[in-house]
Amino acid sequence: MSNVLVVGGTSGIGRELARVRAERGDEVVLTGRDPGRADAVAKEIGARGLALDLSRPHELADVLADLAHVDHLVLAGITRDENHATQYDIGAALRLVTLKLVGYTEVVHCLRPRMPDDGAIVLFGGQAKERPYPGATTVATVNAGVRGLVNTLAVELAPIRVNAVHPGVVGDSPYWRDKPDEVLAALRARTPTGRLATMADVVDAVDFLLRNRSVNAVELSVDGGWLLG
């Protein structure tokens, strides 16, 4: 049994990961920005809920103070942001950069003394860093930043392992599953496997990164080869 913290675990892939680990018998804490939602989701899946906002990093130490031990840390918290260099929203950009880079790092900073030497951390990035789209100015930038963050954390936190997962289009995720059929069909057609990644695929990839003790400082793409299309 492991103690698992899933930051950003109230919906989508984070929730699915927290559910799988709780069903396996692990002690799971999941976080979300809204206290009521975090508690409700945690109760549904047999975990503990914690209200935490990565975009307010100065508050994280107090929020995390009562977590005595964490074996596996998954930083899955994201926010959807559409930002263009030609129509730049500075506030939105600062929020996402703070959440994804400063917030992730501060959580690690707070919890490092409470993680064992055989502990593991997985950060969530995304394939916008490799295939940007209109409106991905900030998203592509921070997901590329995850690469540098993984590398420096793997060195600084050794022997704790630090890896990243970069999902492509996750067809059954809340963001994608209600998209028009023609949009999803076009994406499948550009993917060599002929199918889009699923939440279960990403959860399996995260689980691999957490448990394989020889995998470190790796960026794992979960996209069915979509970048080749």
C-alpha atoms as a PDB file:
ATOM      1  CA  MET A   1       0.000   0.000   0.000  1.00  0.00           C
ATOM      2  CA  SER A   2       1.264   3.463  -0.920  1.00  0.00           C
ATOM      3  CA  ASN A   3       0.330   6.977   0.119  1.00  0.00           C
ATOM      4  CA  VAL A   4      -0.641   8.814  -3.050  1.00  0.00           C
ATOM      5  CA  LEU A   5      -1.331  12.512  -3.583  1.00  0.00           C
ATOM      6  CA  VAL A   6      -3.053  13.508  -6.822  1.00  0.00           C
ATOM      7  CA  VAL A   7      -3.000  17.276  -7.260  1.00  0.00           C
ATOM      8  CA  GLY A   8      -5.827  18.090  -9.635  1.00  0.00           C
ATOM      9  CA  GLY A   9      -7.824  14.962  -8.909  1.00  0.00           C
ATOM     10  CA  THR A  10     -11.446  16.077  -9.043  1.00  0.00           C
ATOM     11  CA  SER A  11     -12.065  15.541 -12.758  1.00  0.00           C
ATOM     12  CA  GLY A  12     -10.751  13.923 -15.897  1.00  0.00           C
ATOM     13  CA  ILE A  13      -7.532  11.962 -15.855  1.00  0.00           C
ATOM     14  CA  GLY A  14      -6.573  13.026 -12.342  1.00  0.00           C
ATOM     15  CA  ARG A  15      -9.858  11.732 -10.955  1.00  0.00           C
ATOM     16  CA  GLU A  16      -9.506   8.465 -12.860  1.00  0.00           C
ATOM     17  CA  LEU A  17      -6.005   7.955 -11.517  1.00  0.00           C
ATOM     18  CA  ALA A  18      -7.134   8.663  -7.953  1.00  0.00           C
ATOM     19  CA  ARG A  19     -10.023   6.196  -8.363  1.00  0.00           C
ATOM     20  CA  VAL A  20      -7.779   3.433  -9.693  1.00  0.00           C
ATOM     21  CA  ARG A  21      -5.254   3.832  -6.900  1.00  0.00           C
ATOM     22  CA  ALA A  22      -7.952   3.964  -4.215  1.00  0.00           C
ATOM     23  CA  GLU A  23      -9.566   0.789  -5.586  1.00  0.00           C
ATOM     24  CA  ARG A  24      -6.153  -0.857  -5.440  1.00  0.00           C
ATOM     25  CA  GLY A  25      -6.074  -0.186  -1.707  1.00  0.00           C
ATOM     26  CA  ASP A  26      -3.753   2.804  -1.572  1.00  0.00           C
ATOM     27  CA  GLU A  27      -4.273   5.736   0.764  1.00  0.00           C
ATOM     28  CA  VAL A  28      -5.218   8.479  -1.684  1.00  0.00           C
ATOM     29  CA  VAL A  29      -5.535  12.223  -1.193  1.00  0.00           C
ATOM     30  CA  LEU A  30      -6.889  14.226  -4.106  1.00  0.00           C
ATOM     31  CA  THR A  31      -7.021  17.973  -4.437  1.00  0.00           C
ATOM     32  CA  GLY A  32      -9.196  20.507  -6.195  1.00  0.00           C
ATOM     33  CA  ARG A  33      -9.706  24.244  -6.020  1.00  0.00           C
ATOM     34  CA  ASP A  34     -13.239  23.928  -4.623  1.00  0.00           C
ATOM     35  CA  PRO A  35     -13.428  22.367  -1.119  1.00  0.00           C
ATOM     36  CA  GLY A  36     -16.949  21.006  -1.590  1.00  0.00           C
ATOM     37  CA  ARG A  37     -16.127  19.359  -4.887  1.00  0.00           C
ATOM     38  CA  ALA A  38     -12.864  17.905  -3.579  1.00  0.00           C
ATOM     39  CA  ASP A  39     -14.677  16.344  -0.626  1.00  0.00           C
ATOM     40  CA  ALA A  40     -17.551  15.044  -2.757  1.00  0.00           C
ATOM     41  CA  VAL A  41     -15.317  13.399  -5.360  1.00  0.00           C
ATOM     42  CA  ALA A  42     -13.084  11.940  -2.673  1.00  0.00           C
ATOM     43  CA  LYS A  43     -16.079  10.402  -0.927  1.00  0.00           C
ATOM     44  CA  GLU A  44     -17.256   8.845  -4.198  1.00  0.00           C
ATOM     45  CA  ILE A  45     -14.001   7.008  -4.787  1.00  0.00           C
ATOM     46  CA  GLY A  46     -12.843   6.257  -1.248  1.00  0.00           C
ATOM     47  CA  ALA A  47     -10.172   8.930  -0.921  1.00  0.00           C
ATOM     48  CA  ARG A  48      -9.589  12.082   1.108  1.00  0.00           C
ATOM     49  CA  GLY A  49     -10.275  15.510  -0.383  1.00  0.00           C
ATOM     50  CA  LEU A  50      -8.158  18.603   0.061  1.00  0.00           C
ATOM     51  CA  ALA A  51      -8.780  22.130  -1.218  1.00  0.00           C
ATOM     52  CA  LEU A  52      -5.688  23.475  -2.954  1.00  0.00           C
ATOM     53  CA  ASP A  53      -5.098  26.158  -5.591  1.00  0.00           C
ATOM     54  CA  LEU A  54      -1.803  25.829  -7.453  1.00  0.00           C
ATOM     55  CA  SER A  55      -2.101  29.389  -8.724  1.00  0.00           C
ATOM     56  CA  ARG A  56      -1.729  30.628  -5.109  1.00  0.00           C
ATOM     57  CA  PRO A  57       1.648  29.097  -4.270  1.00  0.00           C
ATOM     58  CA  HIS A  58       2.219  31.111  -1.086  1.00  0.00           C
ATOM     59  CA  GLU A  59      -0.662  29.197   0.533  1.00  0.00           C
ATOM     60  CA  LEU A  60       0.488  25.692  -0.393  1.00  0.00           C
ATOM     61  CA  ALA A  61       2.742  25.047   2.594  1.00  0.00           C
ATOM     62  CA  ASP A  62      -0.104  25.595   5.049  1.00  0.00           C
ATOM     63  CA  VAL A  63      -2.546  23.519   2.998  1.00  0.00           C
ATOM     64  CA  LEU A  64      -0.134  20.582   2.789  1.00  0.00           C
ATOM     65  CA  ALA A  65       1.122  20.816   6.371  1.00  0.00           C
ATOM     66  CA  ASP A  66      -0.804  17.824   7.723  1.00  0.00           C
ATOM     67  CA  LEU A  67       0.293  15.352   5.042  1.00  0.00           C
ATOM     68  CA  ALA A  68       2.821  13.330   6.981  1.00  0.00           C
ATOM     69  CA  HIS A  69       3.980  10.922   4.276  1.00  0.00           C
ATOM     70  CA  VAL A  70       3.706  10.772   0.476  1.00  0.00           C
ATOM     71  CA  ASP A  71       5.126   7.893  -1.578  1.00  0.00           C
ATOM     72  CA  HIS A  72       3.745   8.905  -4.962  1.00  0.00           C
ATOM     73  CA  LEU A  73       3.006  12.474  -6.038  1.00  0.00           C
ATOM     74  CA  VAL A  74       1.114  13.199  -9.252  1.00  0.00           C
ATOM     75  CA  LEU A  75       0.842  16.818 -10.373  1.00  0.00           C
ATOM     76  CA  ALA A  76      -2.086  16.765 -12.779  1.00  0.00           C
ATOM     77  CA  GLY A  77      -3.609  20.163 -12.055  1.00  0.00           C
ATOM     78  CA  ILE A  78      -4.188  22.209 -15.199  1.00  0.00           C
ATOM     79  CA  THR A  79      -6.360  25.031 -16.440  1.00  0.00           C
ATOM     80  CA  ARG A  80      -7.647  25.554 -19.968  1.00  0.00           C
ATOM     81  CA  ASP A  81      -6.172  28.692 -21.466  1.00  0.00           C
ATOM     82  CA  GLU A  82      -6.483  30.180 -24.928  1.00  0.00           C
ATOM     83  CA  ASN A  83      -3.976  32.957 -25.363  1.00  0.00           C
ATOM     84  CA  HIS A  84      -2.586  34.541 -28.511  1.00  0.00           C
ATOM     85  CA  ALA A  85       0.531  36.639 -28.945  1.00  0.00           C
ATOM     86  CA  THR A  86      -1.582  39.025 -31.014  1.00  0.00           C
ATOM     87  CA  GLN A  87      -4.334  39.241 -28.377  1.00  0.00           C
ATOM     88  CA  TYR A  88      -2.382  38.653 -25.208  1.00  0.00           C
ATOM     89  CA  ASP A  89      -4.168  38.232 -21.872  1.00  0.00           C
ATOM     90  CA  ILE A  90      -1.439  38.869 -19.311  1.00  0.00           C
ATOM     91  CA  GLY A  91      -3.588  37.861 -16.357  1.00  0.00           C
ATOM     92  CA  ALA A  92      -4.477  34.494 -17.862  1.00  0.00           C
ATOM     93  CA  ALA A  93      -0.860  33.901 -18.846  1.00  0.00           C
ATOM     94  CA  LEU A  94       0.425  34.672 -15.358  1.00  0.00           C
ATOM     95  CA  ARG A  95      -2.154  32.371 -13.812  1.00  0.00           C
ATOM     96  CA  LEU A  96      -1.193  29.410 -15.991  1.00  0.00           C
ATOM     97  CA  VAL A  97       2.553  29.925 -15.686  1.00  0.00           C
ATOM     98  CA  THR A  98       2.223  30.253 -11.912  1.00  0.00           C
ATOM     99  CA  LEU A  99      -0.046  27.214 -11.635  1.00  0.00           C
ATOM    100  CA  LYS A 100       1.956  24.858 -13.832  1.00  0.00           C
ATOM    101  CA  LEU A 101       5.553  25.826 -13.047  1.00  0.00           C
ATOM    102  CA  VAL A 102       5.673  27.704  -9.736  1.00  0.00           C
ATOM    103  CA  GLY A 103       2.772  25.788  -8.184  1.00  0.00           C
ATOM    104  CA  TYR A 104       4.094  22.380  -9.207  1.00  0.00           C
ATOM    105  CA  THR A 105       7.543  23.246  -7.866  1.00  0.00           C
ATOM    106  CA  GLU A 106       6.241  24.590  -4.572  1.00  0.00           C
ATOM    107  CA  VAL A 107       4.258  21.396  -3.937  1.00  0.00           C
ATOM    108  CA  VAL A 108       7.453  19.398  -4.483  1.00  0.00           C
ATOM    109  CA  HIS A 109       9.358  21.785  -2.209  1.00  0.00           C
ATOM    110  CA  CYS A 110       6.805  21.345   0.566  1.00  0.00           C
ATOM    111  CA  LEU A 111       6.606  17.562   0.349  1.00  0.00           C
ATOM    112  CA  ARG A 112      10.230  16.549  -0.305  1.00  0.00           C
ATOM    113  CA  PRO A 113      10.994  16.051   3.427  1.00  0.00           C
ATOM    114  CA  ARG A 114       7.985  13.736   3.655  1.00  0.00           C
ATOM    115  CA  MET A 115       8.864  11.506   0.700  1.00  0.00           C
ATOM    116  CA  PRO A 116      11.007   8.362   0.978  1.00  0.00           C
ATOM    117  CA  ASP A 117      14.114   7.830  -1.129  1.00  0.00           C
ATOM    118  CA  ASP A 118      12.191   5.341  -3.278  1.00  0.00           C
ATOM    119  CA  GLY A 119       9.375   7.823  -3.858  1.00  0.00           C
ATOM    120  CA  ALA A 120       8.268   8.977  -7.293  1.00  0.00           C
ATOM    121  CA  ILE A 121       6.788  12.092  -8.868  1.00  0.00           C
ATOM    122  CA  VAL A 122       4.942  12.488 -12.169  1.00  0.00           C
ATOM    123  CA  LEU A 123       4.260  15.889 -13.732  1.00  0.00           C
ATOM    124  CA  PHE A 124       1.637  16.448 -16.417  1.00  0.00           C
ATOM    125  CA  GLY A 125       2.611  18.286 -19.565  1.00  0.00           C
ATOM    126  CA  GLY A 126       0.966  17.994 -22.960  1.00  0.00           C
ATOM    127  CA  GLN A 127       1.662  17.721 -26.657  1.00  0.00           C
ATOM    128  CA  ALA A 128       0.911  21.375 -27.388  1.00  0.00           C
ATOM    129  CA  LYS A 129       4.628  21.892 -26.800  1.00  0.00           C
ATOM    130  CA  GLU A 130       5.288  19.865 -29.969  1.00  0.00           C
ATOM    131  CA  ARG A 131       2.204  20.714 -32.024  1.00  0.00           C
ATOM    132  CA  PRO A 132       0.957  24.156 -31.011  1.00  0.00           C
ATOM    133  CA  TYR A 133      -2.327  25.515 -32.285  1.00  0.00           C
ATOM    134  CA  PRO A 134      -3.812  29.032 -32.440  1.00  0.00           C
ATOM    135  CA  GLY A 135      -4.366  30.072 -28.837  1.00  0.00           C
ATOM    136  CA  ALA A 136      -1.695  27.768 -27.400  1.00  0.00           C
ATOM    137  CA  THR A 137       0.874  30.493 -26.757  1.00  0.00           C
ATOM    138  CA  THR A 138       0.985  29.974 -22.987  1.00  0.00           C
ATOM    139  CA  VAL A 139       0.020  26.290 -22.961  1.00  0.00           C
ATOM    140  CA  ALA A 140       2.828  25.349 -25.354  1.00  0.00           C
ATOM    141  CA  THR A 141       5.307  27.406 -23.346  1.00  0.00           C
ATOM    142  CA  VAL A 142       4.522  25.904 -19.947  1.00  0.00           C
ATOM    143  CA  ASN A 143       4.350  22.350 -21.292  1.00  0.00           C
ATOM    144  CA  ALA A 144       7.818  22.823 -22.759  1.00  0.00           C
ATOM    145  CA  GLY A 145       8.851  24.174 -19.364  1.00  0.00           C
ATOM    146  CA  VAL A 146       7.796  20.893 -17.771  1.00  0.00           C
ATOM    147  CA  ARG A 147      10.739  19.271 -19.609  1.00  0.00           C
ATOM    148  CA  GLY A 148      13.251  21.507 -17.861  1.00  0.00           C
ATOM    149  CA  LEU A 149      11.467  21.123 -14.542  1.00  0.00           C
ATOM    150  CA  VAL A 150      11.604  17.321 -14.731  1.00  0.00           C
ATOM    151  CA  ASN A 151      15.322  17.368 -15.470  1.00  0.00           C
ATOM    152  CA  THR A 152      16.295  19.716 -12.669  1.00  0.00           C
ATOM    153  CA  LEU A 153      14.036  18.005 -10.108  1.00  0.00           C
ATOM    154  CA  ALA A 154      15.434  14.583 -10.997  1.00  0.00           C
ATOM    155  CA  VAL A 155      18.919  15.917 -10.219  1.00  0.00           C
ATOM    156  CA  GLU A 156      18.002  17.885  -7.113  1.00  0.00           C
ATOM    157  CA  LEU A 157      15.709  15.284  -5.527  1.00  0.00           C
ATOM    158  CA  ALA A 158      17.775  12.171  -6.294  1.00  0.00           C
ATOM    159  CA  PRO A 159      17.241   9.327  -5.536  1.00  0.00           C
ATOM    160  CA  ILE A 160      13.535  10.241  -5.766  1.00  0.00           C
ATOM    161  CA  ARG A 161      12.489   9.711  -9.387  1.00  0.00           C
ATOM    162  CA  VAL A 162      10.788  12.455 -11.407  1.00  0.00           C
ATOM    163  CA  ASN A 163       9.103  11.889 -14.776  1.00  0.00           C
ATOM    164  CA  ALA A 164       6.526  13.577 -17.003  1.00  0.00           C
ATOM    165  CA  VAL A 165       3.606  12.349 -19.056  1.00  0.00           C
ATOM    166  CA  HIS A 166       2.536  14.266 -22.150  1.00  0.00           C
ATOM    167  CA  PRO A 167      -0.931  13.180 -23.298  1.00  0.00           C
ATOM    168  CA  GLY A 168      -2.107  13.931 -26.799  1.00  0.00           C
ATOM    169  CA  VAL A 169      -5.808  14.109 -27.608  1.00  0.00           C
ATOM    170  CA  VAL A 170      -7.583  12.012 -24.966  1.00  0.00           C
ATOM    171  CA  GLY A 171     -10.800  11.112 -26.721  1.00  0.00           C
ATOM    172  CA  ASP A 172     -12.921  10.169 -23.698  1.00  0.00           C
ATOM    173  CA  SER A 173     -11.765  13.004 -21.441  1.00  0.00           C
ATOM    174  CA  PRO A 174     -14.320  15.639 -20.378  1.00  0.00           C
ATOM    175  CA  TYR A 175     -12.721  18.218 -22.685  1.00  0.00           C
ATOM    176  CA  TRP A 176     -12.769  16.076 -25.842  1.00  0.00           C
ATOM    177  CA  ARG A 177     -15.604  13.562 -25.594  1.00  0.00           C
ATOM    178  CA  ASP A 178     -18.364  15.990 -26.571  1.00  0.00           C
ATOM    179  CA  LYS A 179     -16.520  17.456 -29.535  1.00  0.00           C
ATOM    180  CA  PRO A 180     -18.259  16.997 -32.925  1.00  0.00           C
ATOM    181  CA  ASP A 181     -17.827  13.547 -34.443  1.00  0.00           C
ATOM    182  CA  GLU A 182     -16.131  14.989 -37.512  1.00  0.00           C
ATOM    183  CA  VAL A 183     -13.484  16.660 -35.349  1.00  0.00           C
ATOM    184  CA  LEU A 184     -12.667  13.428 -33.518  1.00  0.00           C
ATOM    185  CA  ALA A 185     -12.734  11.428 -36.751  1.00  0.00           C
ATOM    186  CA  ALA A 186     -10.200  13.770 -38.325  1.00  0.00           C
ATOM    187  CA  LEU A 187      -7.926  13.417 -35.316  1.00  0.00           C
ATOM    188  CA  ARG A 188      -8.178   9.629 -35.417  1.00  0.00           C
ATOM    189  CA  ALA A 189      -7.345   9.655 -39.109  1.00  0.00           C
ATOM    190  CA  ARG A 190      -4.083  11.496 -38.345  1.00  0.00           C
ATOM    191  CA  THR A 191      -3.103   8.989 -35.645  1.00  0.00           C
ATOM    192  CA  PRO A 192      -1.165   5.901 -36.787  1.00  0.00           C
ATOM    193  CA  THR A 193      -3.000   3.607 -34.365  1.00  0.00           C
ATOM    194  CA  GLY A 194      -6.368   4.697 -35.753  1.00  0.00           C
ATOM    195  CA  ARG A 195      -7.604   5.486 -32.242  1.00  0.00           C
ATOM    196  CA  LEU A 196      -7.270   8.334 -29.805  1.00  0.00           C
ATOM    197  CA  ALA A 197      -5.673   7.923 -26.420  1.00  0.00           C
ATOM    198  CA  THR A 198      -8.058   7.180 -23.556  1.00  0.00           C
ATOM    199  CA  MET A 199      -7.974   8.212 -19.925  1.00  0.00           C
ATOM    200  CA  ALA A 200      -7.206   4.588 -19.051  1.00  0.00           C
ATOM    201  CA  ASP A 201      -4.174   4.725 -21.347  1.00  0.00           C
ATOM    202  CA  VAL A 202      -2.834   7.805 -19.588  1.00  0.00           C
ATOM    203  CA  VAL A 203      -3.519   6.363 -16.132  1.00  0.00           C
ATOM    204  CA  ASP A 204      -1.618   3.222 -17.116  1.00  0.00           C
ATOM    205  CA  ALA A 205       1.303   5.339 -18.323  1.00  0.00           C
ATOM    206  CA  VAL A 206       1.395   7.315 -15.073  1.00  0.00           C
ATOM    207  CA  ASP A 207       1.257   4.099 -13.070  1.00  0.00           C
ATOM    208  CA  PHE A 208       4.236   2.762 -15.041  1.00  0.00           C
ATOM    209  CA  LEU A 209       6.257   5.906 -14.377  1.00  0.00           C
ATOM    210  CA  LEU A 210       5.471   5.705 -10.669  1.00  0.00           C
ATOM    211  CA  ARG A 211       6.317   2.050 -10.134  1.00  0.00           C
ATOM    212  CA  ASN A 212       9.257   1.306 -12.459  1.00  0.00           C
ATOM    213  CA  ARG A 213      12.306   2.119 -10.359  1.00  0.00           C
ATOM    214  CA  SER A 214      14.692   2.401 -13.313  1.00  0.00           C
ATOM    215  CA  VAL A 215      12.678   5.018 -15.193  1.00  0.00           C
ATOM    216  CA  ASN A 216      13.805   8.516 -14.296  1.00  0.00           C
ATOM    217  CA  ALA A 217      13.851  11.953 -16.001  1.00  0.00           C
ATOM    218  CA  VAL A 218      11.707  10.545 -18.821  1.00  0.00           C
ATOM    219  CA  GLU A 219       9.060  12.354 -20.855  1.00  0.00           C
ATOM    220  CA  LEU A 220       6.472   9.806 -21.916  1.00  0.00           C
ATOM    221  CA  SER A 221       4.173  10.699 -24.814  1.00  0.00           C
ATOM    222  CA  VAL A 222       0.752   9.036 -24.783  1.00  0.00           C
ATOM    223  CA  ASP A 223      -0.755   9.909 -28.141  1.00  0.00           C
ATOM    224  CA  GLY A 224      -0.746   6.828 -30.373  1.00  0.00           C
ATOM    225  CA  GLY A 225       1.895   8.429 -32.557  1.00  0.00           C
ATOM    226  CA  TRP A 226      -0.312  11.470 -33.259  1.00  0.00           C
ATOM    227  CA  LEU A 227       2.706  13.722 -33.730  1.00  0.00           C
ATOM    228  CA  LEU A 228       3.674  11.673 -36.792  1.00  0.00           C
ATOM    229  CA  GLY A 229       0.389  12.369 -38.534  1.00  0.00           C
END
